[in-house]
């Protein structure tokens, strides 16, 4: 398997497992990652997922052997290939649970696209990022909707056009990364975010993620009505009732595991 999935309690640890090629994409990895993402359910046992890469690099983008094969593709074959990649990013972006990115080494090309579809991104301070496609005479097309949503048009104009590599500190400045730590503290920082997520109502977290997607894609009137219905629905839900009553009664809500 090129994508390994292990579970620690309600957390799925999803690892790109091609360290010999810096976890670069090929058609098999894309298929496996898509299949995992599309299998996740909001009402399932998994409450959060951590996406990481084996070895020294998070993800270096496209596999050279795969790229060499696509050089001979027709336009129609390239469309089919791009649709499969787009489906993977969309499946990850639409996960009904939070996705935490653990970035070390480098996130380049499609690898930076993976960072863009994560809800929370933790990066080692020595990690390198880059939309490097233009250096190969191509463009960061498939990842662009997700990347621009994170970094905005201004940063995209500079970084898409130059293909320049940039630091984790710059990635945090433009909104791609949320936390930057020393490489030795990477796992602890990821664990802090996962613990924060675990202390929140799982259905509320899923609803909040869906709310963001709906609001940013709606006009003002539609967004207002959606938010009104969303809060009303959550308040009367079993989880909403439990959370509010626990707060008023100064006790721990049922979804937080109590020590044995």
C-alpha atoms as a PDB file:
ATOM      1  CA  UNK A   1       0.000   0.000   0.000  1.00  0.00           C
ATOM      2  CA  UNK A   2       1.291   3.434  -0.933  1.00  0.00           C
ATOM      3  CA  UNK A   3      -1.024   5.066   1.608  1.00  0.00           C
ATOM      4  CA  UNK A   4      -0.912   3.616   5.116  1.00  0.00           C
ATOM      5  CA  UNK A   5      -3.778   4.260   7.532  1.00  0.00           C
ATOM      6  CA  UNK A   6      -3.425   3.522  11.232  1.00  0.00           C
ATOM      7  CA  UNK A   7      -5.792   4.428  14.045  1.00  0.00           C
ATOM      8  CA  UNK A   8      -5.057   5.710  17.524  1.00  0.00           C
ATOM      9  CA  UNK A   9      -8.422   5.867  19.229  1.00  0.00           C
ATOM     10  CA  UNK A  10     -10.635   8.187  17.154  1.00  0.00           C
ATOM     11  CA  UNK A  11      -7.701   9.610  15.158  1.00  0.00           C
ATOM     12  CA  UNK A  12      -6.668   8.261  11.752  1.00  0.00           C
ATOM     13  CA  UNK A  13      -2.994   8.629  10.852  1.00  0.00           C
ATOM     14  CA  UNK A  14      -2.756   8.705   7.062  1.00  0.00           C
ATOM     15  CA  UNK A  15       0.800   8.389   5.747  1.00  0.00           C
ATOM     16  CA  UNK A  16       2.067   8.743   2.196  1.00  0.00           C
ATOM     17  CA  UNK A  17       4.441   5.799   2.046  1.00  0.00           C
ATOM     18  CA  UNK A  18       6.804   6.283  -0.894  1.00  0.00           C
ATOM     19  CA  UNK A  19       9.874   7.634   0.903  1.00  0.00           C
ATOM     20  CA  UNK A  20      12.222   6.438  -1.844  1.00  0.00           C
ATOM     21  CA  UNK A  21      10.657   8.971  -4.253  1.00  0.00           C
ATOM     22  CA  UNK A  22       9.886  11.638  -1.626  1.00  0.00           C
ATOM     23  CA  UNK A  23       6.248  10.515  -1.457  1.00  0.00           C
ATOM     24  CA  UNK A  24       5.574  11.722  -4.978  1.00  0.00           C
ATOM     25  CA  UNK A  25       2.196  11.078  -6.592  1.00  0.00           C
ATOM     26  CA  UNK A  26       1.507   8.341  -9.063  1.00  0.00           C
ATOM     27  CA  UNK A  27      -1.811   6.923 -10.216  1.00  0.00           C
ATOM     28  CA  UNK A  28      -1.842   4.231  -7.505  1.00  0.00           C
ATOM     29  CA  UNK A  29      -1.213   6.662  -4.638  1.00  0.00           C
ATOM     30  CA  UNK A  30      -3.921   8.970  -6.006  1.00  0.00           C
ATOM     31  CA  UNK A  31      -6.382   6.082  -6.187  1.00  0.00           C
ATOM     32  CA  UNK A  32      -5.601   4.881  -2.657  1.00  0.00           C
ATOM     33  CA  UNK A  33      -5.809   8.336  -1.087  1.00  0.00           C
ATOM     34  CA  UNK A  34      -9.082   9.047  -2.900  1.00  0.00           C
ATOM     35  CA  UNK A  35     -10.556   5.747  -1.767  1.00  0.00           C
ATOM     36  CA  UNK A  36      -9.673   6.459   1.862  1.00  0.00           C
ATOM     37  CA  UNK A  37     -11.077  10.004   1.774  1.00  0.00           C
ATOM     38  CA  UNK A  38     -14.332   8.877   0.160  1.00  0.00           C
ATOM     39  CA  UNK A  39     -14.763   6.146   2.786  1.00  0.00           C
ATOM     40  CA  UNK A  40     -14.804   8.551   5.758  1.00  0.00           C
ATOM     41  CA  UNK A  41     -18.229   9.259   7.252  1.00  0.00           C
ATOM     42  CA  UNK A  42     -19.286  12.068   9.578  1.00  0.00           C
ATOM     43  CA  UNK A  43     -21.013   9.587  11.906  1.00  0.00           C
ATOM     44  CA  UNK A  44     -18.143   7.087  11.889  1.00  0.00           C
ATOM     45  CA  UNK A  45     -15.649   6.313  14.654  1.00  0.00           C
ATOM     46  CA  UNK A  46     -12.930   8.591  13.247  1.00  0.00           C
ATOM     47  CA  UNK A  47     -13.099  12.152  14.568  1.00  0.00           C
ATOM     48  CA  UNK A  48      -9.912  13.601  13.063  1.00  0.00           C
ATOM     49  CA  UNK A  49      -7.173  12.599  10.650  1.00  0.00           C
ATOM     50  CA  UNK A  50      -3.492  13.495  10.420  1.00  0.00           C
ATOM     51  CA  UNK A  51      -1.884  13.504   6.966  1.00  0.00           C
ATOM     52  CA  UNK A  52       1.895  13.020   6.867  1.00  0.00           C
ATOM     53  CA  UNK A  53       4.687  11.670   4.705  1.00  0.00           C
ATOM     54  CA  UNK A  54       7.145   8.867   5.432  1.00  0.00           C
ATOM     55  CA  UNK A  55      10.858   9.561   5.319  1.00  0.00           C
ATOM     56  CA  UNK A  56      12.532  12.947   4.964  1.00  0.00           C
ATOM     57  CA  UNK A  57       9.937  14.793   2.868  1.00  0.00           C
ATOM     58  CA  UNK A  58       6.170  15.322   3.153  1.00  0.00           C
ATOM     59  CA  UNK A  59       5.469  15.264  -0.597  1.00  0.00           C
ATOM     60  CA  UNK A  60       7.512  16.409  -3.593  1.00  0.00           C
ATOM     61  CA  UNK A  61       4.618  16.501  -6.072  1.00  0.00           C
ATOM     62  CA  UNK A  62       4.403  14.288  -9.134  1.00  0.00           C
ATOM     63  CA  UNK A  63       6.416  11.117  -9.623  1.00  0.00           C
ATOM     64  CA  UNK A  64       8.998  11.474 -12.406  1.00  0.00           C
ATOM     65  CA  UNK A  65       8.107   8.119 -13.941  1.00  0.00           C
ATOM     66  CA  UNK A  66       4.430   9.078 -13.923  1.00  0.00           C
ATOM     67  CA  UNK A  67       5.264  12.442 -15.486  1.00  0.00           C
ATOM     68  CA  UNK A  68       7.333  10.726 -18.173  1.00  0.00           C
ATOM     69  CA  UNK A  69       4.329   8.584 -19.056  1.00  0.00           C
ATOM     70  CA  UNK A  70       2.024  11.619 -19.313  1.00  0.00           C
ATOM     71  CA  UNK A  71       4.352  13.324 -21.807  1.00  0.00           C
ATOM     72  CA  UNK A  72       2.956  11.015 -24.504  1.00  0.00           C
ATOM     73  CA  UNK A  73      -0.686  11.413 -23.446  1.00  0.00           C
ATOM     74  CA  UNK A  74      -3.254  12.882 -25.800  1.00  0.00           C
ATOM     75  CA  UNK A  75      -5.392  15.819 -24.696  1.00  0.00           C
ATOM     76  CA  UNK A  76      -8.209  13.433 -23.759  1.00  0.00           C
ATOM     77  CA  UNK A  77      -5.863  11.225 -21.741  1.00  0.00           C
ATOM     78  CA  UNK A  78      -4.527  14.271 -19.901  1.00  0.00           C
ATOM     79  CA  UNK A  79      -8.086  15.357 -19.089  1.00  0.00           C
ATOM     80  CA  UNK A  80      -8.842  11.913 -17.653  1.00  0.00           C
ATOM     81  CA  UNK A  81      -5.623  11.977 -15.631  1.00  0.00           C
ATOM     82  CA  UNK A  82      -6.294  15.485 -14.292  1.00  0.00           C
ATOM     83  CA  UNK A  83      -9.861  14.563 -13.327  1.00  0.00           C
ATOM     84  CA  UNK A  84      -8.577  11.693 -11.179  1.00  0.00           C
ATOM     85  CA  UNK A  85      -6.170  14.065  -9.408  1.00  0.00           C
ATOM     86  CA  UNK A  86      -8.893  16.666  -8.960  1.00  0.00           C
ATOM     87  CA  UNK A  87     -11.208  14.036  -7.482  1.00  0.00           C
ATOM     88  CA  UNK A  88      -8.559  13.208  -4.868  1.00  0.00           C
ATOM     89  CA  UNK A  89      -8.115  16.822  -3.784  1.00  0.00           C
ATOM     90  CA  UNK A  90     -11.871  17.405  -3.720  1.00  0.00           C
ATOM     91  CA  UNK A  91     -12.444  14.274  -1.619  1.00  0.00           C
ATOM     92  CA  UNK A  92      -9.845  15.409   0.896  1.00  0.00           C
ATOM     93  CA  UNK A  93     -11.202  18.951   0.900  1.00  0.00           C
ATOM     94  CA  UNK A  94     -14.744  17.688   1.576  1.00  0.00           C
ATOM     95  CA  UNK A  95     -13.813  15.300   4.376  1.00  0.00           C
ATOM     96  CA  UNK A  96     -16.549  15.510   7.028  1.00  0.00           C
ATOM     97  CA  UNK A  97     -13.878  15.387   9.742  1.00  0.00           C
ATOM     98  CA  UNK A  98     -10.929  17.733  10.388  1.00  0.00           C
ATOM     99  CA  UNK A  99      -7.739  17.002   8.464  1.00  0.00           C
ATOM    100  CA  UNK A 100      -4.463  18.056  10.079  1.00  0.00           C
ATOM    101  CA  UNK A 101      -1.403  18.325   7.855  1.00  0.00           C
ATOM    102  CA  UNK A 102       1.989  17.416   9.309  1.00  0.00           C
ATOM    103  CA  UNK A 103       4.547  19.015   6.984  1.00  0.00           C
ATOM    104  CA  UNK A 104       8.262  18.325   7.125  1.00  0.00           C
ATOM    105  CA  UNK A 105      11.063  18.497   4.592  1.00  0.00           C
ATOM    106  CA  UNK A 106       9.202  19.881   1.601  1.00  0.00           C
ATOM    107  CA  UNK A 107       5.738  20.316   0.124  1.00  0.00           C
ATOM    108  CA  UNK A 108       6.145  21.050  -3.580  1.00  0.00           C
ATOM    109  CA  UNK A 109       3.744  21.098  -6.522  1.00  0.00           C
ATOM    110  CA  UNK A 110       0.921  18.703  -5.731  1.00  0.00           C
ATOM    111  CA  UNK A 111       2.359  18.323  -2.246  1.00  0.00           C
ATOM    112  CA  UNK A 112       1.525  21.938  -1.476  1.00  0.00           C
ATOM    113  CA  UNK A 113      -1.947  21.184  -2.817  1.00  0.00           C
ATOM    114  CA  UNK A 114      -2.285  18.576  -0.072  1.00  0.00           C
ATOM    115  CA  UNK A 115      -1.368  21.216   2.494  1.00  0.00           C
ATOM    116  CA  UNK A 116      -4.015  23.508   1.013  1.00  0.00           C
ATOM    117  CA  UNK A 117      -6.841  21.011   1.543  1.00  0.00           C
ATOM    118  CA  UNK A 118      -5.929  20.429   5.190  1.00  0.00           C
ATOM    119  CA  UNK A 119      -8.018  22.286   7.773  1.00  0.00           C
ATOM    120  CA  UNK A 120      -5.060  22.782  10.089  1.00  0.00           C
ATOM    121  CA  UNK A 121      -1.430  22.714   8.932  1.00  0.00           C
ATOM    122  CA  UNK A 122       1.556  22.271  11.251  1.00  0.00           C
ATOM    123  CA  UNK A 123       4.968  22.681   9.639  1.00  0.00           C
ATOM    124  CA  UNK A 124       8.547  22.209  10.738  1.00  0.00           C
ATOM    125  CA  UNK A 125      10.354  25.553  10.623  1.00  0.00           C
ATOM    126  CA  UNK A 126      12.873  24.211   8.106  1.00  0.00           C
ATOM    127  CA  UNK A 127      10.199  22.918   5.690  1.00  0.00           C
ATOM    128  CA  UNK A 128      10.221  24.302   2.144  1.00  0.00           C
ATOM    129  CA  UNK A 129       7.165  25.044   0.012  1.00  0.00           C
ATOM    130  CA  UNK A 130       6.728  25.849  -3.652  1.00  0.00           C
ATOM    131  CA  UNK A 131       4.248  25.996  -6.515  1.00  0.00           C
ATOM    132  CA  UNK A 132       6.995  24.748  -8.804  1.00  0.00           C
ATOM    133  CA  UNK A 133       4.920  23.735 -11.841  1.00  0.00           C
ATOM    134  CA  UNK A 134       5.939  26.701 -14.022  1.00  0.00           C
ATOM    135  CA  UNK A 135       9.558  25.583 -13.747  1.00  0.00           C
ATOM    136  CA  UNK A 136       8.454  22.525 -15.751  1.00  0.00           C
ATOM    137  CA  UNK A 137       6.462  24.547 -18.251  1.00  0.00           C
ATOM    138  CA  UNK A 138       3.101  23.580 -16.746  1.00  0.00           C
ATOM    139  CA  UNK A 139       0.709  25.247 -14.287  1.00  0.00           C
ATOM    140  CA  UNK A 140      -0.676  24.490 -10.785  1.00  0.00           C
ATOM    141  CA  UNK A 141      -4.143  24.164 -12.279  1.00  0.00           C
ATOM    142  CA  UNK A 142      -5.803  21.324 -10.374  1.00  0.00           C
ATOM    143  CA  UNK A 143      -4.667  22.568  -6.957  1.00  0.00           C
ATOM    144  CA  UNK A 144      -5.434  26.226  -7.702  1.00  0.00           C
ATOM    145  CA  UNK A 145      -9.018  26.363  -6.311  1.00  0.00           C
ATOM    146  CA  UNK A 146      -7.830  25.029  -2.966  1.00  0.00           C
ATOM    147  CA  UNK A 147      -4.554  26.975  -2.861  1.00  0.00           C
ATOM    148  CA  UNK A 148      -6.082  30.334  -3.808  1.00  0.00           C
ATOM    149  CA  UNK A 149      -8.828  29.822  -1.208  1.00  0.00           C
ATOM    150  CA  UNK A 150      -6.047  29.554   1.384  1.00  0.00           C
ATOM    151  CA  UNK A 151      -3.443  32.101   0.273  1.00  0.00           C
ATOM    152  CA  UNK A 152      -5.505  34.608  -1.727  1.00  0.00           C
ATOM    153  CA  UNK A 153      -5.044  36.075  -5.180  1.00  0.00           C
ATOM    154  CA  UNK A 154      -2.146  38.378  -4.342  1.00  0.00           C
ATOM    155  CA  UNK A 155       0.156  35.665  -2.989  1.00  0.00           C
ATOM    156  CA  UNK A 156      -0.929  33.338  -5.810  1.00  0.00           C
ATOM    157  CA  UNK A 157       0.086  35.925  -8.418  1.00  0.00           C
ATOM    158  CA  UNK A 158       3.609  35.989  -7.053  1.00  0.00           C
ATOM    159  CA  UNK A 159       4.101  32.346  -6.140  1.00  0.00           C
ATOM    160  CA  UNK A 160       2.272  30.667  -9.029  1.00  0.00           C
ATOM    161  CA  UNK A 161       4.071  32.818 -11.597  1.00  0.00           C
ATOM    162  CA  UNK A 162       7.597  32.631 -10.190  1.00  0.00           C
ATOM    163  CA  UNK A 163       7.553  29.043  -8.952  1.00  0.00           C
ATOM    164  CA  UNK A 164       9.812  30.309  -6.174  1.00  0.00           C
ATOM    165  CA  UNK A 165      10.368  28.159  -3.123  1.00  0.00           C
ATOM    166  CA  UNK A 166       9.497  29.730   0.215  1.00  0.00           C
ATOM    167  CA  UNK A 167       9.854  29.068   3.907  1.00  0.00           C
ATOM    168  CA  UNK A 168       7.416  27.784   6.501  1.00  0.00           C
ATOM    169  CA  UNK A 169       7.409  31.268   8.041  1.00  0.00           C
ATOM    170  CA  UNK A 170       6.232  32.746   4.718  1.00  0.00           C
ATOM    171  CA  UNK A 171       3.674  29.960   4.388  1.00  0.00           C
ATOM    172  CA  UNK A 172       2.259  30.974   7.764  1.00  0.00           C
ATOM    173  CA  UNK A 173       2.173  34.650   6.747  1.00  0.00           C
ATOM    174  CA  UNK A 174       0.001  33.904   3.716  1.00  0.00           C
ATOM    175  CA  UNK A 175      -2.353  31.520   5.529  1.00  0.00           C
ATOM    176  CA  UNK A 176      -1.190  28.198   4.113  1.00  0.00           C
ATOM    177  CA  UNK A 177       0.290  27.082   7.442  1.00  0.00           C
ATOM    178  CA  UNK A 178      -1.142  27.707  10.909  1.00  0.00           C
ATOM    179  CA  UNK A 179       1.633  26.572  13.261  1.00  0.00           C
ATOM    180  CA  UNK A 180       5.406  26.527  12.713  1.00  0.00           C
ATOM    181  CA  UNK A 181       7.613  24.693  15.186  1.00  0.00           C
ATOM    182  CA  UNK A 182      11.058  23.182  15.481  1.00  0.00           C
ATOM    183  CA  UNK A 183      11.149  19.820  13.700  1.00  0.00           C
ATOM    184  CA  UNK A 184      11.656  18.044  17.029  1.00  0.00           C
ATOM    185  CA  UNK A 185       8.352  19.477  18.287  1.00  0.00           C
ATOM    186  CA  UNK A 186       6.292  18.624  15.210  1.00  0.00           C
ATOM    187  CA  UNK A 187       4.465  15.623  16.655  1.00  0.00           C
ATOM    188  CA  UNK A 188       3.718  17.410  19.927  1.00  0.00           C
ATOM    189  CA  UNK A 189       2.267  20.375  18.057  1.00  0.00           C
ATOM    190  CA  UNK A 190       0.100  18.095  15.909  1.00  0.00           C
ATOM    191  CA  UNK A 191      -1.082  16.282  19.043  1.00  0.00           C
ATOM    192  CA  UNK A 192      -2.119  19.590  20.644  1.00  0.00           C
ATOM    193  CA  UNK A 193      -4.365  20.382  17.691  1.00  0.00           C
ATOM    194  CA  UNK A 194      -5.821  16.868  17.662  1.00  0.00           C
ATOM    195  CA  UNK A 195      -6.549  17.129  21.401  1.00  0.00           C
ATOM    196  CA  UNK A 196      -8.280  20.474  20.860  1.00  0.00           C
ATOM    197  CA  UNK A 197     -10.460  18.865  18.207  1.00  0.00           C
ATOM    198  CA  UNK A 198     -11.237  15.903  20.478  1.00  0.00           C
ATOM    199  CA  UNK A 199     -12.600  18.224  23.185  1.00  0.00           C
ATOM    200  CA  UNK A 200     -15.217  19.637  20.806  1.00  0.00           C
ATOM    201  CA  UNK A 201     -18.517  18.061  19.825  1.00  0.00           C
ATOM    202  CA  UNK A 202     -17.784  15.804  16.822  1.00  0.00           C
ATOM    203  CA  UNK A 203     -21.033  16.629  15.029  1.00  0.00           C
ATOM    204  CA  UNK A 204     -20.550  20.307  15.784  1.00  0.00           C
ATOM    205  CA  UNK A 205     -17.065  20.188  14.253  1.00  0.00           C
ATOM    206  CA  UNK A 206     -18.420  18.504  11.114  1.00  0.00           C
ATOM    207  CA  UNK A 207     -21.241  21.063  10.946  1.00  0.00           C
ATOM    208  CA  UNK A 208     -18.790  23.954  11.400  1.00  0.00           C
ATOM    209  CA  UNK A 209     -16.632  22.659   8.552  1.00  0.00           C
ATOM    210  CA  UNK A 210     -19.678  22.345   6.293  1.00  0.00           C
ATOM    211  CA  UNK A 211     -20.804  25.818   7.367  1.00  0.00           C
ATOM    212  CA  UNK A 212     -17.542  27.397   6.208  1.00  0.00           C
ATOM    213  CA  UNK A 213     -17.803  25.755   2.786  1.00  0.00           C
ATOM    214  CA  UNK A 214     -21.403  26.874   2.397  1.00  0.00           C
ATOM    215  CA  UNK A 215     -20.868  30.482   3.508  1.00  0.00           C
ATOM    216  CA  UNK A 216     -17.878  31.146   1.261  1.00  0.00           C
ATOM    217  CA  UNK A 217     -19.709  29.779  -1.781  1.00  0.00           C
ATOM    218  CA  UNK A 218     -23.025  31.599  -1.186  1.00  0.00           C
ATOM    219  CA  UNK A 219     -24.264  35.127  -1.752  1.00  0.00           C
ATOM    220  CA  UNK A 220     -25.022  37.250   1.324  1.00  0.00           C
ATOM    221  CA  UNK A 221     -28.741  36.465   1.574  1.00  0.00           C
ATOM    222  CA  UNK A 222     -28.279  32.737   1.116  1.00  0.00           C
ATOM    223  CA  UNK A 223     -25.416  32.704   3.622  1.00  0.00           C
ATOM    224  CA  UNK A 224     -27.527  34.461   6.257  1.00  0.00           C
ATOM    225  CA  UNK A 225     -30.397  31.993   5.891  1.00  0.00           C
ATOM    226  CA  UNK A 226     -27.992  29.056   5.989  1.00  0.00           C
ATOM    227  CA  UNK A 227     -26.368  30.297   9.199  1.00  0.00           C
ATOM    228  CA  UNK A 228     -29.771  30.819  10.865  1.00  0.00           C
ATOM    229  CA  UNK A 229     -30.860  27.286   9.992  1.00  0.00           C
ATOM    230  CA  UNK A 230     -27.472  25.844  10.948  1.00  0.00           C
ATOM    231  CA  UNK A 231     -27.410  27.214  14.496  1.00  0.00           C
ATOM    232  CA  UNK A 232     -31.071  26.344  15.082  1.00  0.00           C
ATOM    233  CA  UNK A 233     -30.482  22.778  13.894  1.00  0.00           C
ATOM    234  CA  UNK A 234     -27.404  22.339  16.063  1.00  0.00           C
ATOM    235  CA  UNK A 235     -29.020  23.806  19.185  1.00  0.00           C
ATOM    236  CA  UNK A 236     -31.864  21.288  19.123  1.00  0.00           C
ATOM    237  CA  UNK A 237     -29.613  18.331  18.243  1.00  0.00           C
ATOM    238  CA  UNK A 238     -28.727  15.804  20.926  1.00  0.00           C
ATOM    239  CA  UNK A 239     -25.114  16.954  20.880  1.00  0.00           C
ATOM    240  CA  UNK A 240     -26.042  20.626  21.099  1.00  0.00           C
ATOM    241  CA  UNK A 241     -28.385  19.964  24.007  1.00  0.00           C
ATOM    242  CA  UNK A 242     -25.726  17.926  25.801  1.00  0.00           C
ATOM    243  CA  UNK A 243     -23.039  20.553  25.243  1.00  0.00           C
ATOM    244  CA  UNK A 244     -25.147  23.465  26.469  1.00  0.00           C
ATOM    245  CA  UNK A 245     -26.459  21.556  29.481  1.00  0.00           C
ATOM    246  CA  UNK A 246     -22.936  20.408  30.413  1.00  0.00           C
ATOM    247  CA  UNK A 247     -21.738  24.021  30.281  1.00  0.00           C
ATOM    248  CA  UNK A 248     -24.627  25.268  32.427  1.00  0.00           C
ATOM    249  CA  UNK A 249     -24.218  22.395  34.867  1.00  0.00           C
ATOM    250  CA  UNK A 250     -20.427  22.870  34.985  1.00  0.00           C
ATOM    251  CA  UNK A 251     -19.628  19.291  33.997  1.00  0.00           C
ATOM    252  CA  UNK A 252     -17.726  17.549  31.209  1.00  0.00           C
ATOM    253  CA  UNK A 253     -19.793  16.830  28.082  1.00  0.00           C
ATOM    254  CA  UNK A 254     -20.423  13.195  27.190  1.00  0.00           C
ATOM    255  CA  UNK A 255     -18.217  13.199  24.087  1.00  0.00           C
ATOM    256  CA  UNK A 256     -15.037  13.780  26.111  1.00  0.00           C
ATOM    257  CA  UNK A 257     -13.617  10.511  27.364  1.00  0.00           C
ATOM    258  CA  UNK A 258     -13.413  10.378  31.123  1.00  0.00           C
ATOM    259  CA  UNK A 259     -10.411   8.776  32.873  1.00  0.00           C
ATOM    260  CA  UNK A 260     -10.972   5.191  33.996  1.00  0.00           C
END
